[in-house]
Structure formats: C-alpha cells, structure tokens
C-alpha atoms as a PDB file:
ATOM      1  CA  MET A   1     142.442  69.379 136.561  1.00  0.00           C
ATOM      2  CA  TYR A   2     144.963  68.843 139.377  1.00  0.00           C
ATOM      3  CA  SER A   3     144.145  65.113 139.535  1.00  0.00           C
ATOM      4  CA  SER A   4     144.559  64.822 135.759  1.00  0.00           C
ATOM      5  CA  ASN A   5     147.971  66.516 135.815  1.00  0.00           C
ATOM      6  CA  LEU A   6     149.042  64.305 138.710  1.00  0.00           C
ATOM      7  CA  LYS A   7     148.181  61.206 136.694  1.00  0.00           C
ATOM      8  CA  GLY A   8     150.162  62.559 133.746  1.00  0.00           C
ATOM      9  CA  PHE A   9     153.123  63.351 135.985  1.00  0.00           C
ATOM     10  CA  ILE A  10     153.152  59.828 137.481  1.00  0.00           C
ATOM     11  CA  LEU A  11     152.847  58.210 134.054  1.00  0.00           C
ATOM     12  CA  ALA A  12     155.685  60.368 132.697  1.00  0.00           C
ATOM     13  CA  MET A  13     157.888  59.370 135.634  1.00  0.00           C
ATOM     14  CA  VAL A  14     157.089  55.689 135.056  1.00  0.00           C
ATOM     15  CA  SER A  15     157.795  56.126 131.344  1.00  0.00           C
ATOM     16  CA  SER A  16     161.219  57.662 131.996  1.00  0.00           C
ATOM     17  CA  ALA A  17     162.141  54.892 134.419  1.00  0.00           C
ATOM     18  CA  PHE A  18     161.228  52.143 131.959  1.00  0.00           C
ATOM     19  CA  ILE A  19     162.815  53.802 128.921  1.00  0.00           C
ATOM     20  CA  GLY A  20     166.038  54.556 130.809  1.00  0.00           C
ATOM     21  CA  SER A  21     166.186  50.964 132.066  1.00  0.00           C
ATOM     22  CA  SER A  22     165.556  49.581 128.579  1.00  0.00           C
ATOM     23  CA  PHE A  23     168.851  51.051 127.327  1.00  0.00           C
ATOM     24  CA  ILE A  24     170.754  49.055 129.923  1.00  0.00           C
ATOM     25  CA  ILE A  25     168.803  45.822 129.477  1.00  0.00           C
ATOM     26  CA  LYS A  26     169.153  45.965 125.693  1.00  0.00           C
ATOM     27  CA  LYS A  27     172.891  46.636 125.894  1.00  0.00           C
ATOM     28  CA  LYS A  28     173.387  43.671 128.208  1.00  0.00           C
ATOM     29  CA  GLY A  29     171.482  41.605 125.647  1.00  0.00           C
ATOM     30  CA  LEU A  30     173.654  42.992 122.840  1.00  0.00           C
ATOM     31  CA  ARG A  31     176.815  42.095 124.744  1.00  0.00           C
ATOM     32  CA  LYS A  32     175.555  38.599 125.428  1.00  0.00           C
ATOM     33  CA  ALA A  33     174.593  38.093 121.787  1.00  0.00           C
ATOM     34  CA  GLY A  34     177.969  39.464 120.622  1.00  0.00           C
ATOM     35  CA  VAL A  35     179.795  36.668 122.438  1.00  0.00           C
ATOM     36  CA  ASN A  36     178.288  33.993 120.185  1.00  0.00           C
ATOM     37  CA  GLY A  37     178.232  35.827 116.864  1.00  0.00           C
ATOM     38  CA  PRO A  38     178.780  39.091 114.956  1.00  0.00           C
ATOM     39  CA  ARG A  39     178.056  42.211 116.969  1.00  0.00           C
ATOM     40  CA  ALA A  40     175.223  44.554 115.997  1.00  0.00           C
ATOM     41  CA  SER A  41     177.822  47.245 115.254  1.00  0.00           C
ATOM     42  CA  SER A  42     179.334  44.880 112.653  1.00  0.00           C
ATOM     43  CA  GLY A  43     176.023  44.182 110.966  1.00  0.00           C
ATOM     44  CA  GLY A  44     175.020  41.154 113.028  1.00  0.00           C
ATOM     45  CA  TYR A  45     171.431  40.438 114.024  1.00  0.00           C
ATOM     46  CA  GLY A  46     172.034  37.690 116.550  1.00  0.00           C
ATOM     47  CA  TYR A  47     170.521  39.892 119.252  1.00  0.00           C
ATOM     48  CA  LEU A  48     167.098  39.086 117.775  1.00  0.00           C
ATOM     49  CA  LEU A  49     167.511  35.597 119.262  1.00  0.00           C
ATOM     50  CA  GLU A  50     168.585  36.921 122.654  1.00  0.00           C
ATOM     51  CA  PRO A  51     165.732  36.947 125.237  1.00  0.00           C
ATOM     52  CA  LEU A  52     167.392  39.693 127.283  1.00  0.00           C
ATOM     53  CA  TRP A  53     167.305  42.053 124.299  1.00  0.00           C
ATOM     54  CA  TRP A  54     163.594  41.399 123.839  1.00  0.00           C
ATOM     55  CA  ILE A  55     163.007  42.095 127.520  1.00  0.00           C
ATOM     56  CA  GLY A  56     164.666  45.460 126.954  1.00  0.00           C
ATOM     57  CA  MET A  57     162.476  46.049 123.916  1.00  0.00           C
ATOM     58  CA  LEU A  58     159.313  45.246 125.860  1.00  0.00           C
ATOM     59  CA  THR A  59     160.495  47.560 128.622  1.00  0.00           C
ATOM     60  CA  MET A  60     160.958  50.372 126.103  1.00  0.00           C
ATOM     61  CA  ILE A  61     157.555  49.694 124.517  1.00  0.00           C
ATOM     62  CA  PHE A  62     155.874  49.801 127.919  1.00  0.00           C
ATOM     63  CA  GLY A  63     157.623  53.091 128.643  1.00  0.00           C
ATOM     64  CA  GLU A  64     156.522  54.577 125.324  1.00  0.00           C
ATOM     65  CA  ILE A  65     152.927  53.492 125.954  1.00  0.00           C
ATOM     66  CA  ALA A  66     153.023  55.125 129.386  1.00  0.00           C
ATOM     67  CA  ASN A  67     154.425  58.283 127.781  1.00  0.00           C
ATOM     68  CA  PHE A  68     151.672  58.265 125.150  1.00  0.00           C
ATOM     69  CA  VAL A  69     148.953  57.915 127.806  1.00  0.00           C
ATOM     70  CA  ALA A  70     150.582  60.684 129.865  1.00  0.00           C
ATOM     71  CA  TYR A  71     149.878  63.134 127.054  1.00  0.00           C
ATOM     72  CA  ILE A  72     146.176  62.318 127.400  1.00  0.00           C
ATOM     73  CA  TYR A  73     146.089  63.420 131.034  1.00  0.00           C
ATOM     74  CA  ALA A  74     148.599  66.277 131.097  1.00  0.00           C
ATOM     75  CA  PRO A  75     149.851  69.009 128.726  1.00  0.00           C
ATOM     76  CA  ALA A  76     153.024  68.458 126.727  1.00  0.00           C
ATOM     77  CA  VAL A  77     154.785  71.237 128.643  1.00  0.00           C
ATOM     78  CA  LEU A  78     154.605  69.009 131.718  1.00  0.00           C
ATOM     79  CA  VAL A  79     155.228  65.587 130.147  1.00  0.00           C
ATOM     80  CA  THR A  80     157.977  66.309 127.606  1.00  0.00           C
ATOM     81  CA  PRO A  81     160.649  67.705 129.976  1.00  0.00           C
ATOM     82  CA  LEU A  82     160.221  64.677 132.227  1.00  0.00           C
ATOM     83  CA  GLY A  83     161.548  62.538 129.395  1.00  0.00           C
ATOM     84  CA  ALA A  84     164.985  63.830 130.346  1.00  0.00           C
ATOM     85  CA  LEU A  85     164.774  61.721 133.507  1.00  0.00           C
ATOM     86  CA  SER A  86     165.400  58.640 131.370  1.00  0.00           C
ATOM     87  CA  ILE A  87     168.945  59.971 130.801  1.00  0.00           C
ATOM     88  CA  ILE A  88     169.618  60.048 134.522  1.00  0.00           C
ATOM     89  CA  VAL A  89     168.160  56.556 134.996  1.00  0.00           C
ATOM     90  CA  SER A  90     170.242  55.207 132.121  1.00  0.00           C
ATOM     91  CA  ALA A  91     173.477  56.860 133.289  1.00  0.00           C
ATOM     92  CA  VAL A  92     173.097  55.672 136.888  1.00  0.00           C
ATOM     93  CA  LEU A  93     172.217  52.103 135.915  1.00  0.00           C
ATOM     94  CA  ALA A  94     175.075  51.993 133.378  1.00  0.00           C
ATOM     95  CA  HIS A  95     177.493  53.091 136.098  1.00  0.00           C
ATOM     96  CA  PHE A  96     176.495  50.237 138.408  1.00  0.00           C
ATOM     97  CA  MET A  97     175.350  47.466 136.033  1.00  0.00           C
ATOM     98  CA  LEU A  98     177.630  47.941 133.019  1.00  0.00           C
ATOM     99  CA  LYS A  99     180.612  49.423 134.858  1.00  0.00           C
ATOM    100  CA  GLU A 100     180.589  52.368 132.443  1.00  0.00           C
ATOM    101  CA  LYS A 101     181.982  55.174 134.573  1.00  0.00           C
ATOM    102  CA  LEU A 102     180.435  58.572 134.087  1.00  0.00           C
ATOM    103  CA  GLN A 103     183.105  61.244 134.486  1.00  0.00           C
ATOM    104  CA  LYS A 104     182.464  64.545 136.274  1.00  0.00           C
ATOM    105  CA  MET A 105     182.570  66.499 133.036  1.00  0.00           C
ATOM    106  CA  GLY A 106     180.208  63.932 131.564  1.00  0.00           C
ATOM    107  CA  MET A 107     177.799  64.680 134.402  1.00  0.00           C
ATOM    108  CA  LEU A 108     178.082  68.364 133.558  1.00  0.00           C
ATOM    109  CA  GLY A 109     177.370  67.625 129.898  1.00  0.00           C
ATOM    110  CA  CYS A 110     174.381  65.532 130.892  1.00  0.00           C
ATOM    111  CA  LEU A 111     173.074  68.384 133.030  1.00  0.00           C
ATOM    112  CA  LEU A 112     173.548  70.862 130.169  1.00  0.00           C
ATOM    113  CA  CYS A 113     171.572  68.610 127.817  1.00  0.00           C
ATOM    114  CA  ILE A 114     168.737  68.339 130.310  1.00  0.00           C
ATOM    115  CA  VAL A 115     168.637  72.064 131.096  1.00  0.00           C
ATOM    116  CA  GLY A 116     168.784  73.049 127.422  1.00  0.00           C
ATOM    117  CA  SER A 117     166.042  70.614 126.460  1.00  0.00           C
ATOM    118  CA  VAL A 118     163.833  71.843 129.300  1.00  0.00           C
ATOM    119  CA  VAL A 119     164.332  75.469 128.234  1.00  0.00           C
ATOM    120  CA  ILE A 120     163.374  74.593 124.647  1.00  0.00           C
ATOM    121  CA  VAL A 121     160.225  72.782 125.695  1.00  0.00           C
ATOM    122  CA  LEU A 122     159.115  75.336 128.280  1.00  0.00           C
ATOM    123  CA  HIS A 123     159.330  78.184 125.766  1.00  0.00           C
ATOM    124  CA  ALA A 124     157.906  76.226 122.831  1.00  0.00           C
ATOM    125  CA  PRO A 125     154.528  77.460 121.539  1.00  0.00           C
ATOM    126  CA  GLU A 126     151.337  75.536 122.108  1.00  0.00           C
ATOM    127  CA  GLU A 127     150.372  72.894 119.570  1.00  0.00           C
ATOM    128  CA  ARG A 128     147.636  73.734 117.144  1.00  0.00           C
ATOM    129  CA  SER A 129     144.415  71.747 117.336  1.00  0.00           C
ATOM    130  CA  ILE A 130     144.033  69.088 114.640  1.00  0.00           C
ATOM    131  CA  SER A 131     140.610  67.674 113.873  1.00  0.00           C
ATOM    132  CA  SER A 132     141.256  65.147 111.093  1.00  0.00           C
ATOM    133  CA  VAL A 133     143.886  63.088 109.298  1.00  0.00           C
ATOM    134  CA  ASP A 134     143.149  65.077 106.138  1.00  0.00           C
ATOM    135  CA  GLU A 135     144.244  68.225 107.921  1.00  0.00           C
ATOM    136  CA  ILE A 136     147.555  66.652 108.939  1.00  0.00           C
ATOM    137  CA  TRP A 137     148.040  65.358 105.389  1.00  0.00           C
ATOM    138  CA  ALA A 138     147.634  68.905 104.070  1.00  0.00           C
ATOM    139  CA  LEU A 139     150.263  70.099 106.535  1.00  0.00           C
ATOM    140  CA  ALA A 140     152.604  67.236 105.644  1.00  0.00           C
ATOM    141  CA  THR A 141     152.419  67.973 101.922  1.00  0.00           C
ATOM    142  CA  GLN A 142     153.075  71.697 102.146  1.00  0.00           C
ATOM    143  CA  PRO A 143     156.290  72.757 100.334  1.00  0.00           C
ATOM    144  CA  ALA A 144     158.194  73.702 103.503  1.00  0.00           C
ATOM    145  CA  PHE A 145     157.739  70.341 105.182  1.00  0.00           C
ATOM    146  CA  LEU A 146     158.317  68.416 101.956  1.00  0.00           C
ATOM    147  CA  SER A 147     161.661  70.236 101.688  1.00  0.00           C
ATOM    148  CA  TYR A 148     162.511  69.264 105.274  1.00  0.00           C
ATOM    149  CA  THR A 149     161.521  65.651 104.626  1.00  0.00           C
ATOM    150  CA  ALA A 150     163.613  65.490 101.443  1.00  0.00           C
ATOM    151  CA  SER A 151     166.603  67.018 103.259  1.00  0.00           C
ATOM    152  CA  ALA A 152     166.215  64.663 106.224  1.00  0.00           C
ATOM    153  CA  VAL A 153     166.020  61.592 104.012  1.00  0.00           C
ATOM    154  CA  ALA A 154     168.998  62.756 101.922  1.00  0.00           C
ATOM    155  CA  ILE A 155     171.174  63.371 105.008  1.00  0.00           C
ATOM    156  CA  ALA A 156     170.122  60.044 106.519  1.00  0.00           C
ATOM    157  CA  LEU A 157     171.016  58.188 103.306  1.00  0.00           C
ATOM    158  CA  VAL A 158     174.440  59.860 103.190  1.00  0.00           C
ATOM    159  CA  LEU A 159     175.077  58.866 106.799  1.00  0.00           C
ATOM    160  CA  ILE A 160     173.843  55.311 106.216  1.00  0.00           C
ATOM    161  CA  PHE A 161     175.735  54.546 103.006  1.00  0.00           C
ATOM    162  CA  TYR A 162     178.811  56.781 103.386  1.00  0.00           C
ATOM    163  CA  GLY A 163     179.246  57.859 106.995  1.00  0.00           C
ATOM    164  CA  ALA A 164     178.353  54.642 108.819  1.00  0.00           C
ATOM    165  CA  PRO A 165     180.764  52.285 106.975  1.00  0.00           C
ATOM    166  CA  ARG A 166     183.682  54.723 107.390  1.00  0.00           C
ATOM    167  CA  TYR A 167     183.100  56.565 110.656  1.00  0.00           C
ATOM    168  CA  GLY A 168     180.337  54.701 112.478  1.00  0.00           C
ATOM    169  CA  GLN A 169     182.745  52.867 114.784  1.00  0.00           C
ATOM    170  CA  THR A 170     184.609  56.025 115.832  1.00  0.00           C
ATOM    171  CA  ASN A 171     182.118  58.910 115.649  1.00  0.00           C
ATOM    172  CA  ILE A 172     179.020  58.585 117.813  1.00  0.00           C
ATOM    173  CA  ILE A 173     177.196  61.333 115.906  1.00  0.00           C
ATOM    174  CA  VAL A 174     176.844  59.100 112.818  1.00  0.00           C
ATOM    175  CA  TYR A 175     174.591  56.431 114.340  1.00  0.00           C
ATOM    176  CA  ILE A 176     172.795  58.841 116.678  1.00  0.00           C
ATOM    177  CA  GLY A 177     172.327  61.327 113.843  1.00  0.00           C
ATOM    178  CA  ILE A 178     170.512  58.714 111.761  1.00  0.00           C
ATOM    179  CA  CYS A 179     168.265  57.816 114.711  1.00  0.00           C
ATOM    180  CA  SER A 180     167.473  61.457 115.478  1.00  0.00           C
ATOM    181  CA  ILE A 181     166.773  62.641 111.937  1.00  0.00           C
ATOM    182  CA  ILE A 182     164.594  59.655 111.089  1.00  0.00           C
ATOM    183  CA  GLY A 183     163.032  59.927 114.548  1.00  0.00           C
ATOM    184  CA  SER A 184     161.684  63.394 113.793  1.00  0.00           C
ATOM    185  CA  LEU A 185     159.734  61.914 110.873  1.00  0.00           C
ATOM    186  CA  THR A 186     158.571  59.072 113.105  1.00  0.00           C
ATOM    187  CA  VAL A 187     157.054  61.498 115.607  1.00  0.00           C
ATOM    188  CA  MET A 188     155.152  63.372 112.917  1.00  0.00           C
ATOM    189  CA  SER A 189     153.710  60.094 111.615  1.00  0.00           C
ATOM    190  CA  ILE A 190     152.920  58.805 115.091  1.00  0.00           C
ATOM    191  CA  LYS A 191     151.071  62.023 115.878  1.00  0.00           C
ATOM    192  CA  ALA A 192     148.924  61.554 112.785  1.00  0.00           C
ATOM    193  CA  ILE A 193     148.180  57.966 113.812  1.00  0.00           C
ATOM    194  CA  GLY A 194     147.324  59.091 117.349  1.00  0.00           C
ATOM    195  CA  ILE A 195     144.846  61.639 116.033  1.00  0.00           C
ATOM    196  CA  ALA A 196     143.318  58.975 113.778  1.00  0.00           C
ATOM    197  CA  ILE A 197     142.882  56.600 116.721  1.00  0.00           C
ATOM    198  CA  LYS A 198     141.404  59.328 118.897  1.00  0.00           C
ATOM    199  CA  LEU A 199     138.904  60.384 116.227  1.00  0.00           C
ATOM    200  CA  THR A 200     137.997  56.763 115.536  1.00  0.00           C
ATOM    201  CA  LEU A 201     137.286  56.125 119.224  1.00  0.00           C
ATOM    202  CA  GLU A 202     135.133  59.245 119.252  1.00  0.00           C
ATOM    203  CA  GLY A 203     133.018  57.778 116.454  1.00  0.00           C
ATOM    204  CA  THR A 204     134.627  59.123 113.280  1.00  0.00           C
ATOM    205  CA  ASN A 205     136.318  56.212 111.516  1.00  0.00           C
ATOM    206  CA  GLN A 206     139.694  57.252 110.080  1.00  0.00           C
ATOM    207  CA  ALA A 207     140.795  53.788 108.938  1.00  0.00           C
ATOM    208  CA  LYS A 208     138.927  54.254 105.674  1.00  0.00           C
ATOM    209  CA  TYR A 209     141.310  57.005 104.589  1.00  0.00           C
ATOM    210  CA  LEU A 210     144.435  56.069 102.629  1.00  0.00           C
ATOM    211  CA  GLN A 211     146.423  58.793 104.396  1.00  0.00           C
ATOM    212  CA  THR A 212     146.090  56.975 107.706  1.00  0.00           C
ATOM    213  CA  TRP A 213     147.780  53.870 106.304  1.00  0.00           C
ATOM    214  CA  ILE A 214     150.477  55.917 104.583  1.00  0.00           C
ATOM    215  CA  PHE A 215     151.353  57.512 107.927  1.00  0.00           C
ATOM    216  CA  ALA A 216     151.340  54.049 109.539  1.00  0.00           C
ATOM    217  CA  THR A 217     153.706  52.664 106.879  1.00  0.00           C
ATOM    218  CA  ILE A 218     156.079  55.604 107.284  1.00  0.00           C
ATOM    219  CA  ALA A 219     156.037  55.219 111.065  1.00  0.00           C
ATOM    220  CA  VAL A 220     156.836  51.478 110.959  1.00  0.00           C
ATOM    221  CA  THR A 221     159.650  52.003 108.427  1.00  0.00           C
ATOM    222  CA  CYS A 222     161.217  54.828 110.422  1.00  0.00           C
ATOM    223  CA  ILE A 223     160.955  52.901 113.700  1.00  0.00           C
ATOM    224  CA  ILE A 224     162.780  49.905 112.193  1.00  0.00           C
ATOM    225  CA  ILE A 225     165.606  52.159 110.953  1.00  0.00           C
ATOM    226  CA  GLN A 226     165.821  53.887 114.335  1.00  0.00           C
ATOM    227  CA  LEU A 227     166.039  50.612 116.259  1.00  0.00           C
ATOM    228  CA  ASN A 228     168.692  49.236 113.923  1.00  0.00           C
ATOM    229  CA  TYR A 229     171.068  52.178 114.304  1.00  0.00           C
ATOM    230  CA  LEU A 230     170.257  52.708 117.970  1.00  0.00           C
ATOM    231  CA  ASN A 231     171.380  49.108 118.545  1.00  0.00           C
ATOM    232  CA  LYS A 232     174.597  49.839 116.670  1.00  0.00           C
ATOM    233  CA  ALA A 233     175.203  52.939 118.801  1.00  0.00           C
ATOM    234  CA  LEU A 234     174.538  51.062 122.051  1.00  0.00           C
ATOM    235  CA  ASP A 235     176.797  48.199 120.993  1.00  0.00           C
ATOM    236  CA  THR A 236     179.646  50.522 120.013  1.00  0.00           C
ATOM    237  CA  PHE A 237     179.666  53.391 122.516  1.00  0.00           C
ATOM    238  CA  ASN A 238     179.222  54.015 126.204  1.00  0.00           C
ATOM    239  CA  THR A 239     175.544  53.933 127.211  1.00  0.00           C
ATOM    240  CA  ALA A 240     175.956  56.945 129.513  1.00  0.00           C
ATOM    241  CA  ILE A 241     177.010  58.937 126.434  1.00  0.00           C
ATOM    242  CA  VAL A 242     174.523  57.481 123.929  1.00  0.00           C
ATOM    243  CA  SER A 243     171.445  58.285 126.009  1.00  0.00           C
ATOM    244  CA  PRO A 244     171.967  62.055 126.506  1.00  0.00           C
ATOM    245  CA  ILE A 245     173.202  62.713 122.965  1.00  0.00           C
ATOM    246  CA  TYR A 246     170.306  60.759 121.478  1.00  0.00           C
ATOM    247  CA  TYR A 247     167.853  62.631 123.683  1.00  0.00           C
ATOM    248  CA  ALA A 248     169.322  66.031 122.825  1.00  0.00           C
ATOM    249  CA  LEU A 249     169.508  65.538 119.054  1.00  0.00           C
ATOM    250  CA  PHE A 250     166.189  63.724 118.840  1.00  0.00           C
ATOM    251  CA  THR A 251     164.446  66.507 120.782  1.00  0.00           C
ATOM    252  CA  SER A 252     166.049  69.208 118.638  1.00  0.00           C
ATOM    253  CA  PHE A 253     165.133  67.621 115.297  1.00  0.00           C
ATOM    254  CA  THR A 254     161.623  66.799 116.485  1.00  0.00           C
ATOM    255  CA  ILE A 255     160.957  70.388 117.568  1.00  0.00           C
ATOM    256  CA  LEU A 256     162.362  71.630 114.253  1.00  0.00           C
ATOM    257  CA  ALA A 257     160.155  69.253 112.251  1.00  0.00           C
ATOM    258  CA  SER A 258     157.097  70.226 114.290  1.00  0.00           C
ATOM    259  CA  ALA A 259     157.845  73.934 113.851  1.00  0.00           C
ATOM    260  CA  ILE A 260     158.027  73.558 110.072  1.00  0.00           C
ATOM    261  CA  MET A 261     155.033  71.274 109.716  1.00  0.00           C
ATOM    262  CA  PHE A 262     152.659  72.999 112.137  1.00  0.00           C
ATOM    263  CA  LYS A 263     154.109  76.549 111.890  1.00  0.00           C
ATOM    264  CA  ASP A 264     154.418  76.592 115.667  1.00  0.00           C
ATOM    265  CA  TYR A 265     156.522  79.758 115.782  1.00  0.00           C
ATOM    266  CA  SER A 266     154.224  82.060 113.837  1.00  0.00           C
ATOM    267  CA  GLY A 267     153.257  84.876 116.174  1.00  0.00           C
ATOM    268  CA  GLN A 268     155.915  83.880 118.703  1.00  0.00           C
ATOM    269  CA  SER A 269     157.404  86.704 120.785  1.00  0.00           C
ATOM    270  CA  ALA A 270     161.052  87.685 120.407  1.00  0.00           C
ATOM    271  CA  SER A 271     161.814  86.727 124.017  1.00  0.00           C
ATOM    272  CA  SER A 272     160.440  83.216 123.503  1.00  0.00           C
ATOM    273  CA  ILE A 273     162.438  82.727 120.321  1.00  0.00           C
ATOM    274  CA  ALA A 274     165.592  83.982 122.083  1.00  0.00           C
ATOM    275  CA  SER A 275     164.978  81.581 124.962  1.00  0.00           C
ATOM    276  CA  GLU A 276     164.564  78.676 122.568  1.00  0.00           C
ATOM    277  CA  LEU A 277     167.796  79.658 120.803  1.00  0.00           C
ATOM    278  CA  CYS A 278     169.616  79.660 124.138  1.00  0.00           C
ATOM    279  CA  GLY A 279     168.163  76.244 124.810  1.00  0.00           C
ATOM    280  CA  PHE A 280     169.528  74.929 121.529  1.00  0.00           C
ATOM    281  CA  ILE A 281     172.978  76.340 122.282  1.00  0.00           C
ATOM    282  CA  THR A 282     172.913  74.761 125.729  1.00  0.00           C
ATOM    283  CA  VAL A 283     171.966  71.381 124.271  1.00  0.00           C
ATOM    284  CA  LEU A 284     174.725  71.575 121.668  1.00  0.00           C
ATOM    285  CA  SER A 285     177.246  72.552 124.362  1.00  0.00           C
ATOM    286  CA  GLY A 286     176.224  69.614 126.507  1.00  0.00           C
ATOM    287  CA  THR A 287     176.526  67.285 123.530  1.00  0.00           C
ATOM    288  CA  ALA A 288     180.052  68.553 122.817  1.00  0.00           C
ATOM    289  CA  VAL A 289     181.104  68.102 126.457  1.00  0.00           C
ATOM    290  CA  LEU A 290     179.715  64.578 126.584  1.00  0.00           C
ATOM    291  CA  HIS A 291     181.403  63.611 123.332  1.00  0.00           C
ATOM    292  CA  SER A 292     184.773  65.031 124.399  1.00  0.00           C
ATOM    293  CA  THR A 293     184.746  63.154 127.719  1.00  0.00           C
ATOM    294  CA  ARG A 294     183.801  59.757 126.266  1.00  0.00           C
ATOM    295  CA  ASP A 295     186.088  56.977 127.431  1.00  0.00           C
ATOM    296  CA  PRO A 296     187.659  55.121 124.496  1.00  0.00           C
ATOM    297  CA  ASP A 297     185.957  51.787 123.987  1.00  0.00           C
ATOM    298  CA  THR A 298     187.748  48.532 123.417  1.00  0.00           C
ATOM    299  CA  PRO A 299     188.872  48.478 119.779  1.00  0.00           C
ATOM    300  CA  LEU A 300     187.449  45.802 117.548  1.00  0.00           C
ATOM    301  CA  ILE A 301     190.748  45.219 115.710  1.00  0.00           C
ATOM    302  CA  THR A 302     194.082  45.019 117.504  1.00  0.00           C
ATOM    303  CA  ASP A 303     197.681  44.748 116.403  1.00  0.00           C
ATOM    304  CA  LEU A 304     200.955  43.460 117.797  1.00  0.00           C
ATOM    305  CA  TYR A 305     201.389  46.416 120.097  1.00  0.00           C
ATOM    306  CA  THR A 306     197.953  46.293 121.739  1.00  0.00           C
ATOM    307  CA  PRO A 307     197.214  42.652 122.600  1.00  0.00           C
ATOM    308  CA  LEU A 308     193.858  42.218 124.357  1.00  0.00           C
ATOM    309  CA  SER A 309     194.065  38.459 124.922  1.00  0.00           C
ATOM    310  CA  PRO A 310     196.844  35.871 125.141  1.00  0.00           C
ATOM    311  CA  THR A 311     198.242  35.055 121.695  1.00  0.00           C
ATOM    312  CA  VAL A 312     201.267  33.329 120.303  1.00  0.00           C
ATOM    313  CA  SER A 313     203.522  35.748 118.439  1.00  0.00           C
ATOM    314  CA  TRP A 314     206.618  35.089 116.335  1.00  0.00           C
ATOM    315  CA  TYR A 315     209.672  37.338 116.255  1.00  0.00           C
ATOM    316  CA  ILE A 316     212.852  37.338 114.165  1.00  0.00           C
ATOM    317  CA  GLN A 317     216.148  38.313 115.734  1.00  0.00           C
ATOM    318  CA  GLY A 318     218.949  40.060 113.908  1.00  0.00           C
ATOM    319  CA  ASN A 319     220.689  36.720 113.163  1.00  0.00           C
ATOM    320  CA  GLY A 320     217.564  35.411 111.428  1.00  0.00           C
ATOM    321  CA  GLU A 321     216.697  32.975 114.221  1.00  0.00           C
ATOM    322  CA  LEU A 322     212.961  32.524 114.749  1.00  0.00           C
ATOM    323  CA  TRP A 323     211.626  32.954 118.275  1.00  0.00           C
ATOM    324  CA  LYS A 324     208.166  32.132 119.633  1.00  0.00           C
ATOM    325  CA  GLN A 325     206.748  33.878 122.665  1.00  0.00           C
ATOM    326  CA  LYS A 326     203.313  33.678 124.278  1.00  0.00           C
ATOM    327  CA  ASP A 327     202.103  37.263 124.358  1.00  0.00           C
ATOM    328  CA  ASP A 328     200.123  37.227 127.624  1.00  0.00           C
ATOM    329  CA  GLY A 329     201.651  40.308 129.193  1.00  0.00           C
ATOM    330  CA  SER A 330     203.915  38.238 131.491  1.00  0.00           C
ATOM    331  CA  SER A 331     207.230  39.365 130.017  1.00  0.00           C
ATOM    332  CA  PRO A 332     206.866  42.761 128.332  1.00  0.00           C
ATOM    333  CA  THR A 333     210.618  43.502 128.637  1.00  0.00           C
ATOM    334  CA  PHE A 334     211.553  40.390 126.705  1.00  0.00           C
ATOM    335  CA  ILE A 335     209.076  41.186 123.953  1.00  0.00           C
ATOM    336  CA  MET A 336     210.206  44.789 123.712  1.00  0.00           C
ATOM    337  CA  ASN A 337     213.842  43.707 123.376  1.00  0.00           C
ATOM    338  CA  LEU A 338     212.895  41.354 120.558  1.00  0.00           C
ATOM    339  CA  ARG A 339     211.054  44.163 118.773  1.00  0.00           C
ATOM    340  CA  GLN A 340     214.001  46.486 119.139  1.00  0.00           C
ATOM    341  CA  ASP A 341     216.319  43.801 117.759  1.00  0.00           C
ATOM    342  CA  TYR A 342     213.998  43.254 114.836  1.00  0.00           C
ATOM    343  CA  PHE A 343     213.746  46.916 113.879  1.00  0.00           C
ATOM    344  CA  LYS A 344     217.463  47.709 114.235  1.00  0.00           C
END
C-alpha cells in the first residue's frame, strides 16, 4: 500500500509540474502568434499554427495523463490537493520567464486559494463505487443533476454571448467562469469514460453502449470550449492570476457537480460540512485578493493621451495653424502646451 501511494504521490507531483509549465509555454506561444496576427483574446486562431503553443498543449496533456494514472495508484484525497502545486509552478515561472511580477498580496491570495482548496478536498466524502456506465447514466439523468446541467449551460451561454463580448477584456471572471463551469461537466463525462475504459480492460466491453459515446462526445465538446476560453484568459490577463483563479473556481464547481450527481454529502457529519463551507469561503477570499491585486495589462486600444509606440500626431493651435509632432515621448512639455492651446 505504501509503495502504491508513493507512486501516486510522485505522479501527482510530475503532473503538477507539467501542467503548471504548460500555462507558461502556451502563453509564450500566444504572444508569439499575436505578433503576426489577431490575438486569441480578439477571436484569432493563429496560435494553432504556432509550434510553441502545441508544445504547451502536449505538456498539459502529458500532465493530465500523469494525473489520471496517479488516481489509479493513490486515493483522491492524496492526489487532488497536489494539483494546487501547479499554481505555484505557474506563478514562479511566470515571474521569471514572462516578467509578470507577483505582488505580496497576490502571494497571499494564492496561498488562500491553495489552503481553501485543500480543506475542501480533505473534508470531502469518499466517492461511491460505480460498476457500469449504465449506473453513471442513471445518475446523470436524475432531476437534480439535469437541473444543474441546464443551469450550467445557461450561465455559460450568457457569459459566452453577452458577458465575453462586453466584459471579457476587463473582467477575468468571465473567461475563467466559462472554463470552470463547463469544466465541471467535462470531469463528470471524463469519469464516465474512465470507468468504461477500466471495465473494458477488465473484460466487460462498454464500447457497445450508446451512453459511452454520448459521454465521449460531451467530453470532447466541453474540452474544446474550455481550451478556447482558457487561451483567451491567458492572452488577456496575467498568468500568475489566471492559474489560481481557474484552479479555485474549477475545483469548486467540480465538487459541486460531483456532490449533486453522486450525492456525496448524504450522511455527512455537521463538522465536515462546516469545514467544507470554510474551505469555500477561503477559496473565494483568495480569489478576491488575487483579482484586486492584478496589475493592469497593456490596453488593446489607446488614445492620444496614452501613446504606446511612436506615432505622428497633428495639433491645431489657437490661430488655426496646423502643427505636426512625432509623439515618441521625447518632448512631453511641447505636446502638453499644444493640447492646452487647443482646448482653450
């Protein structure tokens, strides 16, 4: 048993290292792709032709595979909290490789997210044993989980079609919210697929059931949506902020979805429920701290008063004479005097 847990621990550590690194590699690929075309945050898909982005994707896939295998060797109570290490890896690498400074309060927020998530996981009830895809399908089609699914899809659609076009560039919760809500449905589908694969390898073929392919279709669709909006979040906001908030919200929604679908909290003691509630509050507090300490990113659209690169600007003096001045920051006094003359 000890050897098995050790293998799971090592695999979980490797998974966190690769997943945390993938955020940085993918963002460097997004930046490189954004130089030659529309950015992902503006609806561009040029990053699909950028090798560095694909290296980041492969790194993330390898990390997810390692995480999946870790659950075979060790219990979830050991593996799941270690996923928080990817936040630390991502924040440290972003500080050195992307020059995205993590403020002291940001570090505190990161710590709060990790502690809260660990508390939630440590006090979460054990998973119920599932023996077939049919059993998961029955759980997925119960009224409570259908209501959650309908609510999740409705909120995601509102964020996609209303929130993202208006607030996506300024509010990090929009993009990350889409990823987290859809991600909770992804995990439920992936779990069903994992059980199907396990049963098939044990000799009971699950590929013949339509439910298996429905879960697979849902998983692929949700993963594509997650990747799309995660790319937008990475391309728009500081990586050191994206990683912890995504982890915190994704973990919270996933635990909520699992609780509804598998009725995890039936028979749970009051102390455990109280501990989980404290964990949620801690996660939300950490998210708020991280969001409030985010450094403003470079705006996509600038005006006369915030030039980001040398431009040629025209000014009109009070006598109507037209002046031309190269706005490269070399003579701010002269430009300011011209503006004052113009607005007199």
